[in-house]
Amino acid sequence: MGQMCCFPLSRGDDKLSVKKAPAVDDDELVSLSKRLVEDAVLRAVQQYMEETQQNGAAPKDEGPPGPTHILNSTK
């Protein structure tokens, strides 16, 4: 059968190293998360604006297809 590993098994454990990520405090993570969300929202709004300008107008909020007089009846 073929080999399941992509590096030689003869390596010594002392040659393998694991890089650790630098420590990040909670305040920095919260700040980064907020910036990422704000950036995503801004991009979504920009994309929406570009698409509505290309289509000529903003899409209308229409109800489901069918007779609307039944839904708006007050009797």
PDB file of N, CA and C in Angstrom:
ATOM      1  N   MET A   1       0.834  -1.176   0.000  1.00  0.00           N
ATOM      2  CA  MET A   1       0.000   0.000   0.000  1.00  0.00           C
ATOM      3  C   MET A   1       0.878   1.239   0.000  1.00  0.00           C
ATOM      4  N   GLY A   2       0.297   2.387  -0.394  1.00  0.00           N
ATOM      5  CA  GLY A   2       1.036   3.641  -0.474  1.00  0.00           C
ATOM      6  C   GLY A   2       1.277   4.258   0.891  1.00  0.00           C
ATOM      7  N   GLN A   3       2.210   5.162   0.897  1.00  0.00           N
ATOM      8  CA  GLN A   3       2.546   5.851   2.136  1.00  0.00           C
ATOM      9  C   GLN A   3       1.470   6.888   2.458  1.00  0.00           C
ATOM     10  N   MET A   4       1.046   6.988   3.697  1.00  0.00           N
ATOM     11  CA  MET A   4      -0.012   7.891   4.115  1.00  0.00           C
ATOM     12  C   MET A   4       0.506   9.263   4.548  1.00  0.00           C
ATOM     13  N   CYS A   5       1.786   9.401   4.651  1.00  0.00           N
ATOM     14  CA  CYS A   5       2.357  10.613   5.207  1.00  0.00           C
ATOM     15  C   CYS A   5       3.127  11.372   4.131  1.00  0.00           C
ATOM     16  N   CYS A   6       3.260  12.664   4.287  1.00  0.00           N
ATOM     17  CA  CYS A   6       3.937  13.450   3.272  1.00  0.00           C
ATOM     18  C   CYS A   6       5.340  13.891   3.708  1.00  0.00           C
ATOM     19  N   PHE A   7       5.801  13.495   4.873  1.00  0.00           N
ATOM     20  CA  PHE A   7       7.165  13.804   5.279  1.00  0.00           C
ATOM     21  C   PHE A   7       7.805  12.539   5.838  1.00  0.00           C
ATOM     22  N   PRO A   8       9.100  12.452   5.769  1.00  0.00           N
ATOM     23  CA  PRO A   8       9.763  11.222   6.225  1.00  0.00           C
ATOM     24  C   PRO A   8       9.585  11.014   7.724  1.00  0.00           C
ATOM     25  N   LEU A   9       9.408   9.754   8.093  1.00  0.00           N
ATOM     26  CA  LEU A   9       9.220   9.423   9.496  1.00  0.00           C
ATOM     27  C   LEU A   9      10.540   9.369  10.255  1.00  0.00           C
ATOM     28  N   SER A  10      11.643   9.482   9.571  1.00  0.00           N
ATOM     29  CA  SER A  10      12.934   9.383  10.234  1.00  0.00           C
ATOM     30  C   SER A  10      13.337  10.669  10.938  1.00  0.00           C
ATOM     31  N   ARG A  11      12.537  11.712  10.833  1.00  0.00           N
ATOM     32  CA  ARG A  11      12.842  12.968  11.516  1.00  0.00           C
ATOM     33  C   ARG A  11      12.824  12.780  13.024  1.00  0.00           C
ATOM     34  N   GLY A  12      13.713  13.441  13.670  1.00  0.00           N
ATOM     35  CA  GLY A  12      13.713  13.413  15.125  1.00  0.00           C
ATOM     36  C   GLY A  12      12.733  14.426  15.666  1.00  0.00           C
ATOM     37  N   ASP A  13      12.210  14.154  16.839  1.00  0.00           N
ATOM     38  CA  ASP A  13      11.245  15.075  17.447  1.00  0.00           C
ATOM     39  C   ASP A  13      11.852  16.447  17.699  1.00  0.00           C
ATOM     40  N   ASP A  14      13.152  16.501  17.908  1.00  0.00           N
ATOM     41  CA  ASP A  14      13.785  17.784  18.178  1.00  0.00           C
ATOM     42  C   ASP A  14      13.807  18.681  16.949  1.00  0.00           C
ATOM     43  N   LYS A  15      13.620  18.135  15.775  1.00  0.00           N
ATOM     44  CA  LYS A  15      13.628  18.947  14.558  1.00  0.00           C
ATOM     45  C   LYS A  15      12.252  19.515  14.234  1.00  0.00           C
ATOM     46  N   LEU A  16      11.214  18.948  14.819  1.00  0.00           N
ATOM     47  CA  LEU A  16       9.864  19.440  14.586  1.00  0.00           C
ATOM     48  C   LEU A  16       9.596  20.599  15.531  1.00  0.00           C
ATOM     49  N   SER A  17       9.049  21.664  15.005  1.00  0.00           N
ATOM     50  CA  SER A  17       8.722  22.798  15.872  1.00  0.00           C
ATOM     51  C   SER A  17       7.301  23.248  15.597  1.00  0.00           C
ATOM     52  N   VAL A  18       6.677  23.750  16.612  1.00  0.00           N
ATOM     53  CA  VAL A  18       5.323  24.265  16.502  1.00  0.00           C
ATOM     54  C   VAL A  18       5.390  25.750  16.762  1.00  0.00           C
ATOM     55  N   LYS A  19       4.920  26.533  15.791  1.00  0.00           N
ATOM     56  CA  LYS A  19       4.918  27.975  15.969  1.00  0.00           C
ATOM     57  C   LYS A  19       3.674  28.362  16.746  1.00  0.00           C
ATOM     58  N   LYS A  20       3.883  29.148  17.777  1.00  0.00           N
ATOM     59  CA  LYS A  20       2.760  29.601  18.590  1.00  0.00           C
ATOM     60  C   LYS A  20       2.364  31.004  18.160  1.00  0.00           C
ATOM     61  N   ALA A  21       1.067  31.228  18.125  1.00  0.00           N
ATOM     62  CA  ALA A  21       0.561  32.563  17.784  1.00  0.00           C
ATOM     63  C   ALA A  21       0.834  33.497  18.955  1.00  0.00           C
ATOM     64  N   PRO A  22       1.086  34.761  18.654  1.00  0.00           N
ATOM     65  CA  PRO A  22       1.313  35.699  19.759  1.00  0.00           C
ATOM     66  C   PRO A  22       0.047  35.853  20.591  1.00  0.00           C
ATOM     67  N   ALA A  23       0.233  36.075  21.866  1.00  0.00           N
ATOM     68  CA  ALA A  23      -0.899  36.225  22.775  1.00  0.00           C
ATOM     69  C   ALA A  23      -1.675  37.492  22.427  1.00  0.00           C
ATOM     70  N   VAL A  24      -3.002  37.367  22.402  1.00  0.00           N
ATOM     71  CA  VAL A  24      -3.873  38.497  22.085  1.00  0.00           C
ATOM     72  C   VAL A  24      -4.881  38.613  23.225  1.00  0.00           C
ATOM     73  N   ASP A  25      -5.018  39.817  23.745  1.00  0.00           N
ATOM     74  CA  ASP A  25      -5.964  39.981  24.846  1.00  0.00           C
ATOM     75  C   ASP A  25      -7.395  40.126  24.328  1.00  0.00           C
ATOM     76  N   ASP A  26      -8.347  39.985  25.240  1.00  0.00           N
ATOM     77  CA  ASP A  26      -9.765  40.015  24.864  1.00  0.00           C
ATOM     78  C   ASP A  26     -10.178  41.344  24.248  1.00  0.00           C
ATOM     79  N   ASP A  27      -9.671  42.458  24.779  1.00  0.00           N
ATOM     80  CA  ASP A  27     -10.039  43.768  24.234  1.00  0.00           C
ATOM     81  C   ASP A  27      -9.619  43.896  22.778  1.00  0.00           C
ATOM     82  N   GLU A  28      -8.452  43.375  22.461  1.00  0.00           N
ATOM     83  CA  GLU A  28      -7.973  43.441  21.078  1.00  0.00           C
ATOM     84  C   GLU A  28      -8.827  42.567  20.166  1.00  0.00           C
ATOM     85  N   LEU A  29      -9.233  41.407  20.667  1.00  0.00           N
ATOM     86  CA  LEU A  29     -10.098  40.521  19.874  1.00  0.00           C
ATOM     87  C   LEU A  29     -11.459  41.155  19.628  1.00  0.00           C
ATOM     88  N   VAL A  30     -12.016  41.800  20.637  1.00  0.00           N
ATOM     89  CA  VAL A  30     -13.315  42.465  20.489  1.00  0.00           C
ATOM     90  C   VAL A  30     -13.197  43.596  19.474  1.00  0.00           C
ATOM     91  N   SER A  31     -12.124  44.371  19.582  1.00  0.00           N
ATOM     92  CA  SER A  31     -11.915  45.479  18.651  1.00  0.00           C
ATOM     93  C   SER A  31     -11.771  44.969  17.220  1.00  0.00           C
ATOM     94  N   LEU A  32     -10.997  43.921  17.048  1.00  0.00           N
ATOM     95  CA  LEU A  32     -10.809  43.343  15.713  1.00  0.00           C
ATOM     96  C   LEU A  32     -12.123  42.794  15.171  1.00  0.00           C
ATOM     97  N   SER A  33     -12.893  42.126  16.012  1.00  0.00           N
ATOM     98  CA  SER A  33     -14.178  41.578  15.585  1.00  0.00           C
ATOM     99  C   SER A  33     -15.118  42.688  15.133  1.00  0.00           C
ATOM    100  N   LYS A  34     -15.161  43.779  15.902  1.00  0.00           N
ATOM    101  CA  LYS A  34     -16.021  44.905  15.529  1.00  0.00           C
ATOM    102  C   LYS A  34     -15.615  45.483  14.186  1.00  0.00           C
ATOM    103  N   ARG A  35     -14.304  45.638  13.976  1.00  0.00           N
ATOM    104  CA  ARG A  35     -13.840  46.184  12.697  1.00  0.00           C
ATOM    105  C   ARG A  35     -14.182  45.260  11.544  1.00  0.00           C
ATOM    106  N   LEU A  36     -14.056  43.955  11.760  1.00  0.00           N
ATOM    107  CA  LEU A  36     -14.400  43.004  10.702  1.00  0.00           C
ATOM    108  C   LEU A  36     -15.881  43.059  10.362  1.00  0.00           C
ATOM    109  N   VAL A  37     -16.737  43.148  11.374  1.00  0.00           N
ATOM    110  CA  VAL A  37     -18.181  43.221  11.137  1.00  0.00           C
ATOM    111  C   VAL A  37     -18.535  44.525  10.430  1.00  0.00           C
ATOM    112  N   GLU A  38     -17.956  45.646  10.909  1.00  0.00           N
ATOM    113  CA  GLU A  38     -18.238  46.933  10.272  1.00  0.00           C
ATOM    114  C   GLU A  38     -17.805  46.920   8.811  1.00  0.00           C
ATOM    115  N   ASP A  39     -16.654  46.342   8.539  1.00  0.00           N
ATOM    116  CA  ASP A  39     -16.158  46.262   7.167  1.00  0.00           C
ATOM    117  C   ASP A  39     -17.099  45.419   6.305  1.00  0.00           C
ATOM    118  N   ALA A  40     -17.560  44.295   6.848  1.00  0.00           N
ATOM    119  CA  ALA A  40     -18.477  43.428   6.094  1.00  0.00           C
ATOM    120  C   ALA A  40     -19.796  44.141   5.807  1.00  0.00           C
ATOM    121  N   VAL A  41     -20.307  44.880   6.793  1.00  0.00           N
ATOM    122  CA  VAL A  41     -21.566  45.610   6.600  1.00  0.00           C
ATOM    123  C   VAL A  41     -21.377  46.697   5.549  1.00  0.00           C
ATOM    124  N   LEU A  42     -20.285  47.449   5.642  1.00  0.00           N
ATOM    125  CA  LEU A  42     -20.027  48.497   4.647  1.00  0.00           C
ATOM    126  C   LEU A  42     -19.914  47.925   3.239  1.00  0.00           C
ATOM    127  N   ARG A  43     -19.238  46.803   3.106  1.00  0.00           N
ATOM    128  CA  ARG A  43     -19.116  46.172   1.780  1.00  0.00           C
ATOM    129  C   ARG A  43     -20.476  45.726   1.263  1.00  0.00           C
ATOM    130  N   ALA A  44     -21.304  45.180   2.143  1.00  0.00           N
ATOM    131  CA  ALA A  44     -22.639  44.728   1.728  1.00  0.00           C
ATOM    132  C   ALA A  44     -23.490  45.911   1.290  1.00  0.00           C
ATOM    133  N   VAL A  45     -23.407  47.021   2.020  1.00  0.00           N
ATOM    134  CA  VAL A  45     -24.176  48.209   1.655  1.00  0.00           C
ATOM    135  C   VAL A  45     -23.686  48.760   0.319  1.00  0.00           C
ATOM    136  N   GLN A  46     -22.370  48.809   0.136  1.00  0.00           N
ATOM    137  CA  GLN A  46     -21.820  49.291  -1.134  1.00  0.00           C
ATOM    138  C   GLN A  46     -22.269  48.418  -2.291  1.00  0.00           C
ATOM    139  N   GLN A  47     -22.242  47.104  -2.090  1.00  0.00           N
ATOM    140  CA  GLN A  47     -22.666  46.188  -3.148  1.00  0.00           C
ATOM    141  C   GLN A  47     -24.146  46.390  -3.454  1.00  0.00           C
ATOM    142  N   TYR A  48     -24.963  46.570  -2.423  1.00  0.00           N
ATOM    143  CA  TYR A  48     -26.392  46.803  -2.610  1.00  0.00           C
ATOM    144  C   TYR A  48     -26.618  48.085  -3.405  1.00  0.00           C
ATOM    145  N   MET A  49     -25.902  49.145  -3.027  1.00  0.00           N
ATOM    146  CA  MET A  49     -26.055  50.423  -3.719  1.00  0.00           C
ATOM    147  C   MET A  49     -25.643  50.302  -5.187  1.00  0.00           C
ATOM    148  N   GLU A  50     -24.544  49.607  -5.451  1.00  0.00           N
ATOM    149  CA  GLU A  50     -24.093  49.432  -6.833  1.00  0.00           C
ATOM    150  C   GLU A  50     -25.117  48.649  -7.642  1.00  0.00           C
ATOM    151  N   GLU A  51     -25.660  47.597  -7.051  1.00  0.00           N
ATOM    152  CA  GLU A  51     -26.632  46.768  -7.767  1.00  0.00           C
ATOM    153  C   GLU A  51     -27.928  47.528  -8.022  1.00  0.00           C
ATOM    154  N   THR A  52     -28.371  48.320  -7.071  1.00  0.00           N
ATOM    155  CA  THR A  52     -29.612  49.066  -7.284  1.00  0.00           C
ATOM    156  C   THR A  52     -29.409  50.177  -8.304  1.00  0.00           C
ATOM    157  N   GLN A  53     -28.222  50.769  -8.359  1.00  0.00           N
ATOM    158  CA  GLN A  53     -27.949  51.784  -9.380  1.00  0.00           C
ATOM    159  C   GLN A  53     -27.895  51.139 -10.762  1.00  0.00           C
ATOM    160  N   GLN A  54     -27.358  49.941 -10.850  1.00  0.00           N
ATOM    161  CA  GLN A  54     -27.293  49.247 -12.133  1.00  0.00           C
ATOM    162  C   GLN A  54     -28.692  48.861 -12.610  1.00  0.00           C
ATOM    163  N   ASN A  55     -29.554  48.515 -11.680  1.00  0.00           N
ATOM    164  CA  ASN A  55     -30.911  48.089 -12.034  1.00  0.00           C
ATOM    165  C   ASN A  55     -31.861  49.270 -12.206  1.00  0.00           C
ATOM    166  N   GLY A  56     -31.446  50.451 -11.866  1.00  0.00           N
ATOM    167  CA  GLY A  56     -32.265  51.629 -12.079  1.00  0.00           C
ATOM    168  C   GLY A  56     -33.026  52.107 -10.869  1.00  0.00           C
ATOM    169  N   ALA A  57     -33.381  51.215  -9.954  1.00  0.00           N
ATOM    170  CA  ALA A  57     -34.134  51.617  -8.772  1.00  0.00           C
ATOM    171  C   ALA A  57     -34.013  50.533  -7.713  1.00  0.00           C
ATOM    172  N   ALA A  58     -34.307  50.906  -6.502  1.00  0.00           N
ATOM    173  CA  ALA A  58     -34.278  49.936  -5.407  1.00  0.00           C
ATOM    174  C   ALA A  58     -35.448  48.977  -5.564  1.00  0.00           C
ATOM    175  N   PRO A  59     -35.257  47.718  -5.224  1.00  0.00           N
ATOM    176  CA  PRO A  59     -36.360  46.763  -5.334  1.00  0.00           C
ATOM    177  C   PRO A  59     -37.468  47.125  -4.360  1.00  0.00           C
ATOM    178  N   LYS A  60     -38.718  46.938  -4.794  1.00  0.00           N
ATOM    179  CA  LYS A  60     -39.871  47.250  -3.954  1.00  0.00           C
ATOM    180  C   LYS A  60     -40.147  46.078  -3.035  1.00  0.00           C
ATOM    181  N   ASP A  61     -40.638  46.379  -1.864  1.00  0.00           N
ATOM    182  CA  ASP A  61     -41.002  45.346  -0.900  1.00  0.00           C
ATOM    183  C   ASP A  61     -42.438  44.935  -1.189  1.00  0.00           C
ATOM    184  N   GLU A  62     -42.584  43.902  -1.987  1.00  0.00           N
ATOM    185  CA  GLU A  62     -43.904  43.460  -2.394  1.00  0.00           C
ATOM    186  C   GLU A  62     -44.312  42.248  -1.570  1.00  0.00           C
ATOM    187  N   GLY A  63     -45.592  42.111  -1.387  1.00  0.00           N
ATOM    188  CA  GLY A  63     -46.118  40.971  -0.661  1.00  0.00           C
ATOM    189  C   GLY A  63     -46.113  39.733  -1.541  1.00  0.00           C
ATOM    190  N   PRO A  64     -46.633  38.658  -1.014  1.00  0.00           N
ATOM    191  CA  PRO A  64     -46.681  37.422  -1.798  1.00  0.00           C
ATOM    192  C   PRO A  64     -47.633  37.580  -2.974  1.00  0.00           C
ATOM    193  N   PRO A  65     -47.403  36.822  -4.043  1.00  0.00           N
ATOM    194  CA  PRO A  65     -48.282  36.916  -5.206  1.00  0.00           C
ATOM    195  C   PRO A  65     -49.688  36.439  -4.853  1.00  0.00           C
ATOM    196  N   GLY A  66     -50.643  36.992  -5.550  1.00  0.00           N
ATOM    197  CA  GLY A  66     -52.024  36.590  -5.312  1.00  0.00           C
ATOM    198  C   GLY A  66     -52.877  37.800  -5.033  1.00  0.00           C
ATOM    199  N   PRO A  67     -54.151  37.586  -4.784  1.00  0.00           N
ATOM    200  CA  PRO A  67     -55.063  38.719  -4.551  1.00  0.00           C
ATOM    201  C   PRO A  67     -54.725  39.409  -3.232  1.00  0.00           C
ATOM    202  N   THR A  68     -54.412  40.702  -3.324  1.00  0.00           N
ATOM    203  CA  THR A  68     -54.047  41.456  -2.128  1.00  0.00           C
ATOM    204  C   THR A  68     -55.263  42.016  -1.414  1.00  0.00           C
ATOM    205  N   HIS A  69     -56.411  42.081  -2.112  1.00  0.00           N
ATOM    206  CA  HIS A  69     -57.602  42.629  -1.464  1.00  0.00           C
ATOM    207  C   HIS A  69     -58.064  41.735  -0.305  1.00  0.00           C
ATOM    208  N   ILE A  70     -57.750  40.460  -0.349  1.00  0.00           N
ATOM    209  CA  ILE A  70     -58.118  39.548   0.735  1.00  0.00           C
ATOM    210  C   ILE A  70     -57.272  39.854   1.978  1.00  0.00           C
ATOM    211  N   LEU A  71     -55.984  40.134   1.761  1.00  0.00           N
ATOM    212  CA  LEU A  71     -55.102  40.405   2.887  1.00  0.00           C
ATOM    213  C   LEU A  71     -55.410  41.737   3.547  1.00  0.00           C
ATOM    214  N   ASN A  72     -55.861  42.728   2.769  1.00  0.00           N
ATOM    215  CA  ASN A  72     -56.094  44.065   3.293  1.00  0.00           C
ATOM    216  C   ASN A  72     -57.532  44.296   3.737  1.00  0.00           C
ATOM    217  N   SER A  73     -58.332  43.282   3.724  1.00  0.00           N
ATOM    218  CA  SER A  73     -59.746  43.432   4.090  1.00  0.00           C
ATOM    219  C   SER A  73     -59.875  43.682   5.581  1.00  0.00           C
ATOM    220  N   THR A  74     -60.800  44.593   5.936  1.00  0.00           N
ATOM    221  CA  THR A  74     -61.031  44.904   7.350  1.00  0.00           C
ATOM    222  C   THR A  74     -62.365  44.392   7.818  1.00  0.00           C
ATOM    223  N   LYS A  75     -63.099  43.674   7.007  1.00  0.00           N
ATOM    224  CA  LYS A  75     -64.426  43.149   7.373  1.00  0.00           C
ATOM    225  C   LYS A  75     -64.323  41.869   8.144  1.00  0.00           C
TER     226      LYS A  75
END
